[in-house]
C-alpha cells in the first residue's frame, strides 16, 4: 500500500503533505530528530528518531519502496529512495529520478568542494522558499500520489 514519507527536519511543506495524504487516504510518516508537534490526524505518524547523522534518512530509506512517495531535500537520501523504486520529490516539486540523480549527486559534491575552498566563508544560502514553490510542490505531489497508487 502506498505511503508518503517526509524528511521533516526543516521541511517547509509538512502541512501540504498532510493535506494530500489525507485526500488520498494514505499513511504519512513525518520523520525527524524531534521538535515536531504530532498532528491529530490518524493518518499521520510522527516518527522521532535518535539524534545522530543521517538517522532519519536511514529510517526512511529502509522502509520506502515501489509505490511510495518520499519528500526530501537531501540528495543522498533521494538517491537511496530512487534506488528502492520510490517516487521522490524536493520541497519545490522537482522530481528526483534515475535519470537525474547521478547529476544531482555530482553537483552537490561540487558545491560542497567549492564551499570548502572559500577561505572567507562568504556566499549566500539558498534562495527563499516562495508561494510558487509551494504551489509547484502541491501539483507535483498530487501527480506523484496518483502515479504511486496505480
N, C-alpha and C. Protein backbone atom coordinates (compact mmCIF):
# COMPACT_ATOMS: atom_id res chain seq x y z
N UNK A 1 0.84 -1.19 0.00
CA UNK A 1 0.00 0.00 0.00
C UNK A 1 0.88 1.25 0.00
N UNK A 2 0.47 2.25 -0.70
CA UNK A 2 1.22 3.49 -0.83
C UNK A 2 1.34 4.21 0.51
N UNK A 3 2.53 4.75 0.76
CA UNK A 3 2.78 5.58 1.94
C UNK A 3 3.54 6.82 1.48
N UNK A 4 3.42 7.87 2.25
CA UNK A 4 4.13 9.13 1.99
C UNK A 4 5.09 9.36 3.14
N UNK A 5 6.38 9.47 2.82
CA UNK A 5 7.42 9.71 3.81
C UNK A 5 7.96 11.12 3.63
N UNK A 6 8.04 11.88 4.73
CA UNK A 6 8.57 13.24 4.66
C UNK A 6 9.76 13.34 5.59
N UNK A 7 10.90 13.75 5.02
CA UNK A 7 12.09 14.07 5.80
C UNK A 7 11.77 15.42 6.43
N UNK A 8 11.24 15.39 7.65
CA UNK A 8 10.54 16.54 8.22
C UNK A 8 11.42 17.60 8.87
N UNK A 9 12.69 17.31 9.13
CA UNK A 9 13.56 18.35 9.70
C UNK A 9 13.67 19.50 8.70
N UNK A 10 13.28 20.68 9.12
CA UNK A 10 13.33 21.89 8.29
C UNK A 10 12.53 21.78 6.99
N UNK A 11 11.49 20.98 6.99
CA UNK A 11 10.65 20.81 5.80
C UNK A 11 9.57 21.89 5.78
N UNK A 12 9.51 22.69 4.71
CA UNK A 12 8.52 23.77 4.65
C UNK A 12 7.13 23.34 4.15
N UNK A 13 6.95 22.06 3.81
CA UNK A 13 5.68 21.64 3.19
C UNK A 13 4.99 20.50 3.95
N UNK A 14 5.18 20.42 5.25
CA UNK A 14 4.54 19.36 6.04
C UNK A 14 3.01 19.47 5.98
N UNK A 15 2.50 20.66 6.10
CA UNK A 15 1.04 20.86 6.07
C UNK A 15 0.46 20.44 4.72
N UNK A 16 1.14 20.81 3.66
CA UNK A 16 0.67 20.44 2.32
C UNK A 16 0.71 18.93 2.12
N UNK A 17 1.78 18.30 2.62
CA UNK A 17 1.89 16.84 2.51
C UNK A 17 0.74 16.16 3.26
N UNK A 18 0.43 16.67 4.44
CA UNK A 18 -0.68 16.10 5.21
C UNK A 18 -2.00 16.25 4.46
N UNK A 19 -2.21 17.39 3.86
CA UNK A 19 -3.45 17.62 3.11
C UNK A 19 -3.60 16.62 1.96
N UNK A 20 -2.52 16.41 1.21
CA UNK A 20 -2.57 15.49 0.07
C UNK A 20 -2.71 14.05 0.55
N UNK A 21 -1.98 13.67 1.59
CA UNK A 21 -2.09 12.31 2.13
C UNK A 21 -3.51 12.03 2.60
N UNK A 22 -4.11 12.99 3.27
CA UNK A 22 -5.48 12.83 3.75
C UNK A 22 -6.46 12.68 2.59
N UNK A 23 -6.28 13.49 1.56
CA UNK A 23 -7.17 13.41 0.40
C UNK A 23 -7.08 12.03 -0.26
N UNK A 24 -5.89 11.44 -0.26
CA UNK A 24 -5.69 10.13 -0.90
C UNK A 24 -5.87 8.96 0.07
N UNK A 25 -6.04 9.27 1.35
CA UNK A 25 -6.23 8.22 2.34
C UNK A 25 -5.01 7.34 2.54
N UNK A 26 -3.82 7.94 2.46
CA UNK A 26 -2.58 7.18 2.65
C UNK A 26 -1.90 7.59 3.94
N UNK A 27 -1.11 6.69 4.48
CA UNK A 27 -0.35 6.93 5.71
C UNK A 27 0.79 7.91 5.40
N UNK A 28 0.94 8.91 6.26
CA UNK A 28 2.02 9.90 6.15
C UNK A 28 2.94 9.72 7.35
N UNK A 29 4.23 9.56 7.07
CA UNK A 29 5.24 9.47 8.12
C UNK A 29 6.08 10.74 8.11
N UNK A 30 6.01 11.52 9.18
CA UNK A 30 6.84 12.70 9.35
C UNK A 30 8.03 12.28 10.20
N UNK A 31 9.21 12.19 9.60
CA UNK A 31 10.38 11.63 10.27
C UNK A 31 11.36 12.75 10.59
N UNK A 32 11.73 12.84 11.89
CA UNK A 32 12.67 13.89 12.29
C UNK A 32 13.42 13.49 13.55
N UNK A 33 14.36 14.35 13.93
CA UNK A 33 15.12 14.15 15.17
C UNK A 33 14.39 14.73 16.37
N UNK A 34 13.25 15.33 16.17
CA UNK A 34 12.48 15.88 17.28
C UNK A 34 11.96 17.27 16.96
N UNK A 35 11.23 17.82 17.89
CA UNK A 35 10.74 19.17 17.74
C UNK A 35 9.47 19.30 16.93
N UNK A 36 8.80 18.20 16.62
CA UNK A 36 7.55 18.26 15.87
C UNK A 36 6.38 18.03 16.81
N UNK A 37 5.34 18.79 16.60
CA UNK A 37 4.10 18.57 17.35
C UNK A 37 3.28 17.54 16.58
N UNK A 38 2.93 16.42 17.21
CA UNK A 38 2.16 15.40 16.50
C UNK A 38 0.78 15.92 16.10
N UNK A 39 0.41 15.79 14.84
CA UNK A 39 -0.93 16.20 14.41
C UNK A 39 -2.00 15.24 14.92
N UNK A 40 -3.21 15.71 14.99
CA UNK A 40 -4.33 14.88 15.45
C UNK A 40 -4.82 13.93 14.36
N UNK A 41 -4.39 14.12 13.15
CA UNK A 41 -4.82 13.32 12.01
C UNK A 41 -4.40 11.85 12.21
N UNK A 42 -5.35 10.91 12.17
CA UNK A 42 -5.00 9.50 12.40
C UNK A 42 -4.15 8.89 11.28
N UNK A 43 -4.09 9.53 10.12
CA UNK A 43 -3.26 9.04 9.02
C UNK A 43 -1.80 9.47 9.15
N UNK A 44 -1.52 10.38 10.07
CA UNK A 44 -0.17 10.94 10.21
C UNK A 44 0.53 10.32 11.42
N UNK A 45 1.70 9.78 11.16
CA UNK A 45 2.52 9.24 12.24
C UNK A 45 3.80 10.07 12.33
N UNK A 46 4.02 10.65 13.48
CA UNK A 46 5.25 11.41 13.73
C UNK A 46 6.29 10.44 14.26
N UNK A 47 7.38 10.30 13.54
CA UNK A 47 8.45 9.37 13.92
C UNK A 47 9.64 10.20 14.40
N UNK A 48 9.97 10.07 15.65
CA UNK A 48 11.13 10.76 16.22
C UNK A 48 12.26 9.73 16.33
N UNK A 49 13.33 9.97 15.59
CA UNK A 49 14.47 9.06 15.61
C UNK A 49 15.53 9.60 16.55
N UNK A 50 16.44 8.74 17.01
CA UNK A 50 17.52 9.22 17.89
C UNK A 50 18.41 10.24 17.16
N UNK A 51 19.04 11.10 17.94
CA UNK A 51 19.98 12.07 17.37
C UNK A 51 21.13 11.31 16.73
N UNK A 52 21.66 11.88 15.70
CA UNK A 52 22.81 11.27 15.03
C UNK A 52 22.76 11.56 13.55
N UNK A 53 23.92 11.47 12.92
CA UNK A 53 23.97 11.79 11.50
C UNK A 53 23.16 10.79 10.66
N UNK A 54 22.28 11.33 9.87
CA UNK A 54 21.51 10.56 8.89
C UNK A 54 20.60 9.48 9.46
N UNK A 55 20.24 9.55 10.74
CA UNK A 55 19.37 8.53 11.33
C UNK A 55 17.98 8.61 10.71
N UNK A 56 17.45 9.81 10.54
CA UNK A 56 16.13 9.96 9.91
C UNK A 56 16.19 9.46 8.47
N UNK A 57 17.26 9.78 7.77
CA UNK A 57 17.42 9.34 6.39
C UNK A 57 17.42 7.82 6.30
N UNK A 58 18.16 7.17 7.19
CA UNK A 58 18.23 5.71 7.18
C UNK A 58 16.85 5.10 7.46
N UNK A 59 16.09 5.72 8.39
CA UNK A 59 14.77 5.20 8.73
C UNK A 59 13.88 5.21 7.49
N UNK A 60 13.92 6.31 6.76
CA UNK A 60 13.09 6.42 5.55
C UNK A 60 13.57 5.45 4.47
N UNK A 61 14.88 5.46 4.19
CA UNK A 61 15.43 4.63 3.11
C UNK A 61 15.19 3.14 3.35
N UNK A 62 15.18 2.71 4.61
CA UNK A 62 14.96 1.29 4.93
C UNK A 62 13.51 0.87 4.74
N UNK A 63 12.58 1.82 4.69
CA UNK A 63 11.16 1.47 4.66
C UNK A 63 10.46 1.79 3.34
N UNK A 64 10.95 2.74 2.60
CA UNK A 64 10.25 3.12 1.37
C UNK A 64 10.56 2.14 0.25
N UNK A 65 9.69 2.15 -0.74
CA UNK A 65 9.89 1.26 -1.87
C UNK A 65 8.94 1.60 -3.00
N UNK A 66 8.80 0.71 -3.96
CA UNK A 66 7.90 0.97 -5.09
C UNK A 66 6.49 1.27 -4.59
N UNK A 67 5.86 2.26 -5.17
CA UNK A 67 4.52 2.64 -4.77
C UNK A 67 4.48 3.68 -3.68
N UNK A 68 5.64 4.03 -3.11
CA UNK A 68 5.70 5.06 -2.07
C UNK A 68 6.21 6.37 -2.65
N UNK A 69 5.93 7.45 -1.93
CA UNK A 69 6.41 8.78 -2.31
C UNK A 69 7.21 9.32 -1.14
N UNK A 70 8.37 9.92 -1.44
CA UNK A 70 9.25 10.49 -0.43
C UNK A 70 9.46 11.96 -0.75
N UNK A 71 9.40 12.82 0.28
CA UNK A 71 9.67 14.24 0.13
C UNK A 71 10.92 14.56 0.93
N UNK A 72 11.95 15.04 0.23
CA UNK A 72 13.21 15.39 0.88
C UNK A 72 14.00 16.38 0.04
N UNK A 73 14.82 17.13 0.72
CA UNK A 73 15.78 17.99 0.04
C UNK A 73 17.18 17.41 0.12
N UNK A 74 17.31 16.27 0.77
CA UNK A 74 18.60 15.62 0.99
C UNK A 74 18.91 14.72 -0.21
N UNK A 75 19.91 15.08 -0.98
CA UNK A 75 20.19 14.37 -2.24
C UNK A 75 20.68 12.94 -2.00
N UNK A 76 21.58 12.67 -1.04
CA UNK A 76 21.94 11.27 -0.81
C UNK A 76 20.74 10.41 -0.40
N UNK A 77 19.86 10.95 0.43
CA UNK A 77 18.64 10.21 0.78
C UNK A 77 17.80 9.99 -0.47
N UNK A 78 17.65 11.01 -1.28
CA UNK A 78 16.87 10.87 -2.51
C UNK A 78 17.44 9.76 -3.39
N UNK A 79 18.76 9.66 -3.48
CA UNK A 79 19.39 8.62 -4.29
C UNK A 79 19.04 7.23 -3.76
N UNK A 80 19.08 7.07 -2.44
CA UNK A 80 18.75 5.78 -1.84
C UNK A 80 17.28 5.42 -2.11
N UNK A 81 16.41 6.40 -2.00
CA UNK A 81 14.99 6.15 -2.20
C UNK A 81 14.66 5.87 -3.67
N UNK A 82 15.29 6.60 -4.57
CA UNK A 82 15.10 6.33 -6.00
C UNK A 82 15.53 4.90 -6.30
N UNK A 83 16.64 4.47 -5.70
CA UNK A 83 17.14 3.11 -5.92
C UNK A 83 16.16 2.04 -5.45
N UNK A 84 15.32 2.36 -4.46
CA UNK A 84 14.33 1.39 -3.98
C UNK A 84 13.09 1.34 -4.87
N UNK A 85 12.96 2.31 -5.79
CA UNK A 85 11.79 2.38 -6.65
C UNK A 85 10.75 3.38 -6.19
N UNK A 86 11.03 4.10 -5.10
CA UNK A 86 10.09 5.12 -4.62
C UNK A 86 10.11 6.33 -5.55
N UNK A 87 9.04 7.08 -5.52
CA UNK A 87 8.95 8.34 -6.25
C UNK A 87 9.40 9.42 -5.27
N UNK A 88 10.30 10.30 -5.70
CA UNK A 88 10.94 11.23 -4.77
C UNK A 88 10.84 12.66 -5.28
N UNK A 89 10.40 13.56 -4.38
CA UNK A 89 10.25 14.98 -4.71
C UNK A 89 11.05 15.86 -3.76
N UNK A 90 11.53 16.97 -4.29
CA UNK A 90 12.07 18.05 -3.46
C UNK A 90 10.89 18.85 -2.92
N UNK A 91 11.17 19.74 -2.00
CA UNK A 91 10.12 20.58 -1.41
C UNK A 91 9.51 21.55 -2.42
N UNK A 92 10.23 21.83 -3.50
CA UNK A 92 9.71 22.77 -4.51
C UNK A 92 9.02 22.04 -5.66
N UNK A 93 8.86 20.73 -5.56
CA UNK A 93 8.15 19.97 -6.57
C UNK A 93 9.03 19.33 -7.62
N UNK A 94 10.33 19.61 -7.62
CA UNK A 94 11.22 18.97 -8.58
C UNK A 94 11.33 17.48 -8.23
N UNK A 95 11.35 16.66 -9.25
CA UNK A 95 11.38 15.21 -9.04
C UNK A 95 12.80 14.68 -9.19
N UNK A 96 13.20 13.80 -8.29
CA UNK A 96 14.44 13.05 -8.42
C UNK A 96 14.11 11.76 -9.16
N UNK A 97 14.89 11.41 -10.17
CA UNK A 97 14.66 10.19 -10.93
C UNK A 97 15.98 9.46 -11.16
N UNK A 98 15.89 8.24 -11.68
CA UNK A 98 17.10 7.51 -12.04
C UNK A 98 17.90 8.29 -13.07
N UNK A 99 17.21 9.04 -13.92
CA UNK A 99 17.89 9.77 -14.99
C UNK A 99 18.64 11.00 -14.49
N UNK A 100 18.22 11.59 -13.37
CA UNK A 100 18.88 12.83 -12.94
C UNK A 100 19.61 12.74 -11.60
N UNK A 101 19.48 11.64 -10.88
CA UNK A 101 20.04 11.59 -9.53
C UNK A 101 21.57 11.60 -9.55
N UNK A 102 22.19 10.98 -10.53
CA UNK A 102 23.66 11.00 -10.61
C UNK A 102 24.19 12.41 -10.78
N UNK A 103 23.55 13.17 -11.65
CA UNK A 103 23.95 14.57 -11.86
C UNK A 103 23.72 15.39 -10.59
N UNK A 104 22.61 15.14 -9.91
CA UNK A 104 22.31 15.86 -8.68
C UNK A 104 23.37 15.58 -7.61
N UNK A 105 23.79 14.33 -7.48
CA UNK A 105 24.83 13.97 -6.51
C UNK A 105 26.16 14.64 -6.87
N UNK A 106 26.50 14.63 -8.16
CA UNK A 106 27.76 15.25 -8.60
C UNK A 106 27.75 16.75 -8.33
N UNK A 107 26.63 17.40 -8.60
CA UNK A 107 26.52 18.85 -8.37
C UNK A 107 26.61 19.14 -6.87
N UNK A 108 25.99 18.33 -6.06
CA UNK A 108 26.06 18.50 -4.60
C UNK A 108 27.51 18.42 -4.13
N UNK A 109 28.23 17.42 -4.62
CA UNK A 109 29.63 17.26 -4.22
C UNK A 109 30.49 18.43 -4.71
N UNK A 110 30.24 18.89 -5.93
CA UNK A 110 30.98 20.03 -6.46
C UNK A 110 30.74 21.27 -5.61
N UNK A 111 29.48 21.52 -5.27
CA UNK A 111 29.16 22.70 -4.46
C UNK A 111 29.78 22.60 -3.06
N UNK A 112 29.81 21.41 -2.50
CA UNK A 112 30.45 21.22 -1.19
C UNK A 112 31.94 21.53 -1.28
N UNK A 113 32.58 21.09 -2.36
CA UNK A 113 34.00 21.38 -2.56
C UNK A 113 34.24 22.87 -2.72
N UNK A 114 33.37 23.54 -3.47
CA UNK A 114 33.53 24.98 -3.67
C UNK A 114 33.34 25.74 -2.35
N UNK A 115 32.37 25.33 -1.55
CA UNK A 115 32.17 25.99 -0.26
C UNK A 115 33.37 25.77 0.65
N UNK A 116 33.92 24.57 0.62
CA UNK A 116 35.08 24.26 1.46
C UNK A 116 36.32 25.04 1.03
N UNK A 117 36.41 25.36 -0.25
CA UNK A 117 37.57 26.08 -0.77
C UNK A 117 37.46 27.59 -0.57
N UNK A 118 36.34 28.08 -0.08
CA UNK A 118 36.13 29.51 0.12
C UNK A 118 36.73 29.90 1.47
N UNK A 119 37.91 30.48 1.47
CA UNK A 119 38.59 30.75 2.75
C UNK A 119 37.90 31.81 3.60
N UNK A 120 37.11 32.66 3.00
CA UNK A 120 36.45 33.73 3.76
C UNK A 120 35.07 33.33 4.23
N UNK A 121 34.60 32.19 3.75
CA UNK A 121 33.28 31.72 4.18
C UNK A 121 32.14 32.59 3.66
N UNK A 122 32.41 33.36 2.63
CA UNK A 122 31.36 34.22 2.10
C UNK A 122 30.51 33.46 1.10
N UNK A 123 29.35 33.95 0.91
CA UNK A 123 28.42 33.33 -0.03
C UNK A 123 27.07 33.22 0.65
N UNK A 124 26.06 33.27 -0.14
CA UNK A 124 24.71 33.23 0.41
C UNK A 124 24.21 31.83 0.59
N UNK A 125 23.14 31.73 1.31
CA UNK A 125 22.45 30.44 1.43
C UNK A 125 21.61 30.25 0.19
N UNK A 126 20.71 29.34 0.25
CA UNK A 126 19.82 29.12 -0.89
C UNK A 126 18.80 30.24 -1.00
N UNK A 127 18.07 30.21 -2.08
CA UNK A 127 17.05 31.24 -2.26
C UNK A 127 15.85 30.95 -1.37
N UNK A 128 15.05 31.95 -1.13
CA UNK A 128 13.89 31.82 -0.25
C UNK A 128 12.84 30.90 -0.88
N UNK A 129 12.10 30.20 -0.03
CA UNK A 129 11.00 29.33 -0.47
C UNK A 129 9.80 30.23 -0.77
N UNK A 130 9.26 30.15 -1.97
CA UNK A 130 8.22 31.07 -2.42
C UNK A 130 6.85 30.40 -2.51
N UNK A 131 5.82 31.22 -2.70
CA UNK A 131 4.47 30.70 -2.91
C UNK A 131 4.43 29.85 -4.18
N UNK A 132 5.20 30.26 -5.18
CA UNK A 132 5.25 29.49 -6.43
C UNK A 132 5.85 28.11 -6.18
N UNK A 133 6.89 28.03 -5.32
CA UNK A 133 7.48 26.74 -4.96
C UNK A 133 6.44 25.86 -4.27
N UNK A 134 5.70 26.45 -3.35
CA UNK A 134 4.68 25.70 -2.61
C UNK A 134 3.60 25.17 -3.56
N UNK A 135 3.18 26.01 -4.48
CA UNK A 135 2.16 25.62 -5.45
C UNK A 135 2.69 24.51 -6.37
N UNK A 136 3.92 24.66 -6.83
CA UNK A 136 4.55 23.64 -7.68
C UNK A 136 4.66 22.32 -6.92
N UNK A 137 4.99 22.40 -5.63
CA UNK A 137 5.08 21.19 -4.82
C UNK A 137 3.72 20.50 -4.73
N UNK A 138 2.68 21.25 -4.42
CA UNK A 138 1.34 20.65 -4.31
C UNK A 138 0.93 19.95 -5.60
N UNK A 139 1.15 20.61 -6.73
CA UNK A 139 0.81 19.99 -8.03
C UNK A 139 1.62 18.72 -8.25
N UNK A 140 2.91 18.79 -7.98
CA UNK A 140 3.78 17.63 -8.20
C UNK A 140 3.42 16.50 -7.25
N UNK A 141 3.16 16.79 -5.99
CA UNK A 141 2.81 15.74 -5.03
C UNK A 141 1.50 15.07 -5.41
N UNK A 142 0.54 15.84 -5.83
CA UNK A 142 -0.73 15.27 -6.27
C UNK A 142 -0.51 14.31 -7.44
N UNK A 143 0.29 14.73 -8.40
CA UNK A 143 0.60 13.90 -9.58
C UNK A 143 1.34 12.62 -9.16
N UNK A 144 2.33 12.76 -8.27
CA UNK A 144 3.09 11.59 -7.83
C UNK A 144 2.24 10.62 -7.03
N UNK A 145 1.34 11.13 -6.20
CA UNK A 145 0.46 10.24 -5.42
C UNK A 145 -0.45 9.44 -6.36
N UNK A 146 -0.96 10.10 -7.37
CA UNK A 146 -1.81 9.37 -8.32
C UNK A 146 -1.03 8.28 -9.02
N UNK A 147 0.19 8.60 -9.46
CA UNK A 147 1.03 7.61 -10.13
C UNK A 147 1.40 6.47 -9.20
N UNK A 148 1.75 6.80 -7.97
CA UNK A 148 2.18 5.79 -6.99
C UNK A 148 1.06 4.80 -6.67
N UNK A 149 -0.17 5.27 -6.67
CA UNK A 149 -1.29 4.41 -6.30
C UNK A 149 -1.72 3.48 -7.44
N UNK A 150 -1.17 3.67 -8.63
CA UNK A 150 -1.53 2.81 -9.76
C UNK A 150 -0.94 1.44 -9.65
